[in-house]
Amino acid sequence: MISQDGYRWQRYTLSSHAPINGIAYGNGRYVAVADLGLTYVSTDGLNWQRANGLGL
């Protein structure tokens, strides 16, 4: 789910076919971890890129 204001929410789907197991925020980045070892990063929570390796 995503929200611009914290009140109105809408469903959001990453381009992963694997279920997202968790999302965390720290150091200016969101990190989403999915099944199959897939990891995605975002600086705004709206635009996501697949992370490659441990360097994120």
C-alpha atoms as a PDB file:
ATOM      1  CA  MET A   1       0.000   0.000   0.000  1.00  0.00           C
ATOM      2  CA  ILE A   2       1.187   3.540  -0.677  1.00  0.00           C
ATOM      3  CA  SER A   3       0.029   6.904   0.577  1.00  0.00           C
ATOM      4  CA  GLN A   4       1.019  10.470  -0.198  1.00  0.00           C
ATOM      5  CA  ASP A   5      -0.504  11.834   3.017  1.00  0.00           C
ATOM      6  CA  GLY A   6      -0.798   8.898   5.436  1.00  0.00           C
ATOM      7  CA  TYR A   7      -4.601   8.994   5.271  1.00  0.00           C
ATOM      8  CA  ARG A   8      -5.560   7.848   1.789  1.00  0.00           C
ATOM      9  CA  TRP A   9      -3.994   4.539   0.773  1.00  0.00           C
ATOM     10  CA  GLN A  10      -3.916   2.641  -2.496  1.00  0.00           C
ATOM     11  CA  ARG A  11      -2.644  -0.777  -3.472  1.00  0.00           C
ATOM     12  CA  TYR A  12       0.812  -0.801  -5.063  1.00  0.00           C
ATOM     13  CA  THR A  13       2.537  -3.706  -6.773  1.00  0.00           C
ATOM     14  CA  LEU A  14       6.272  -4.022  -7.305  1.00  0.00           C
ATOM     15  CA  SER A  15       7.397  -5.691 -10.505  1.00  0.00           C
ATOM     16  CA  SER A  16       8.259  -8.779  -8.472  1.00  0.00           C
ATOM     17  CA  HIS A  17       6.245 -11.949  -8.782  1.00  0.00           C
ATOM     18  CA  ALA A  18       7.572 -12.960  -5.371  1.00  0.00           C
ATOM     19  CA  PRO A  19       5.634 -11.894  -2.262  1.00  0.00           C
ATOM     20  CA  ILE A  20       7.129  -9.000  -0.291  1.00  0.00           C
ATOM     21  CA  ASN A  21       7.940 -10.164   3.233  1.00  0.00           C
ATOM     22  CA  GLY A  22       8.885  -6.867   4.813  1.00  0.00           C
ATOM     23  CA  ILE A  23       9.775  -3.233   4.288  1.00  0.00           C
ATOM     24  CA  ALA A  24      12.118  -1.135   6.415  1.00  0.00           C
ATOM     25  CA  TYR A  25      13.270   2.486   6.328  1.00  0.00           C
ATOM     26  CA  GLY A  26      16.611   3.880   7.401  1.00  0.00           C
ATOM     27  CA  ASN A  27      19.366   6.200   6.276  1.00  0.00           C
ATOM     28  CA  GLY A  28      17.085   7.827   3.690  1.00  0.00           C
ATOM     29  CA  ARG A  29      16.049   4.603   1.948  1.00  0.00           C
ATOM     30  CA  TYR A  30      13.240   2.101   1.979  1.00  0.00           C
ATOM     31  CA  VAL A  31      14.226  -1.521   1.518  1.00  0.00           C
ATOM     32  CA  ALA A  32      11.711  -4.224   0.563  1.00  0.00           C
ATOM     33  CA  VAL A  33      12.661  -7.876   0.921  1.00  0.00           C
ATOM     34  CA  ALA A  34      10.840 -10.530  -1.098  1.00  0.00           C
ATOM     35  CA  ASP A  35      10.882 -14.289  -1.461  1.00  0.00           C
ATOM     36  CA  LEU A  36      13.512 -15.799  -3.719  1.00  0.00           C
ATOM     37  CA  GLY A  37      16.157 -13.427  -2.295  1.00  0.00           C
ATOM     38  CA  LEU A  38      14.852 -10.394  -4.189  1.00  0.00           C
ATOM     39  CA  THR A  39      15.481  -6.957  -2.668  1.00  0.00           C
ATOM     40  CA  TYR A  40      14.166  -3.578  -3.813  1.00  0.00           C
ATOM     41  CA  VAL A  41      15.185  -0.059  -2.737  1.00  0.00           C
ATOM     42  CA  SER A  42      13.479   3.329  -2.917  1.00  0.00           C
ATOM     43  CA  THR A  43      14.229   6.831  -1.677  1.00  0.00           C
ATOM     44  CA  ASP A  44      10.610   8.008  -1.847  1.00  0.00           C
ATOM     45  CA  GLY A  45       8.544   4.846  -1.304  1.00  0.00           C
ATOM     46  CA  LEU A  46       6.943   5.234  -4.734  1.00  0.00           C
ATOM     47  CA  ASN A  47       9.708   4.510  -7.223  1.00  0.00           C
ATOM     48  CA  TRP A  48      11.450   1.179  -6.634  1.00  0.00           C
ATOM     49  CA  GLN A  49      14.514  -0.419  -8.180  1.00  0.00           C
ATOM     50  CA  ARG A  50      15.773  -3.938  -7.768  1.00  0.00           C
ATOM     51  CA  ALA A  51      18.896  -3.979  -5.621  1.00  0.00           C
ATOM     52  CA  ASN A  52      21.898  -5.938  -6.808  1.00  0.00           C
ATOM     53  CA  GLY A  53      24.202  -7.444  -4.216  1.00  0.00           C
ATOM     54  CA  LEU A  54      24.830  -6.332  -0.666  1.00  0.00           C
ATOM     55  CA  GLY A  55      25.733  -2.753  -1.586  1.00  0.00           C
ATOM     56  CA  LEU A  56      22.084  -1.898  -2.248  1.00  0.00           C
END
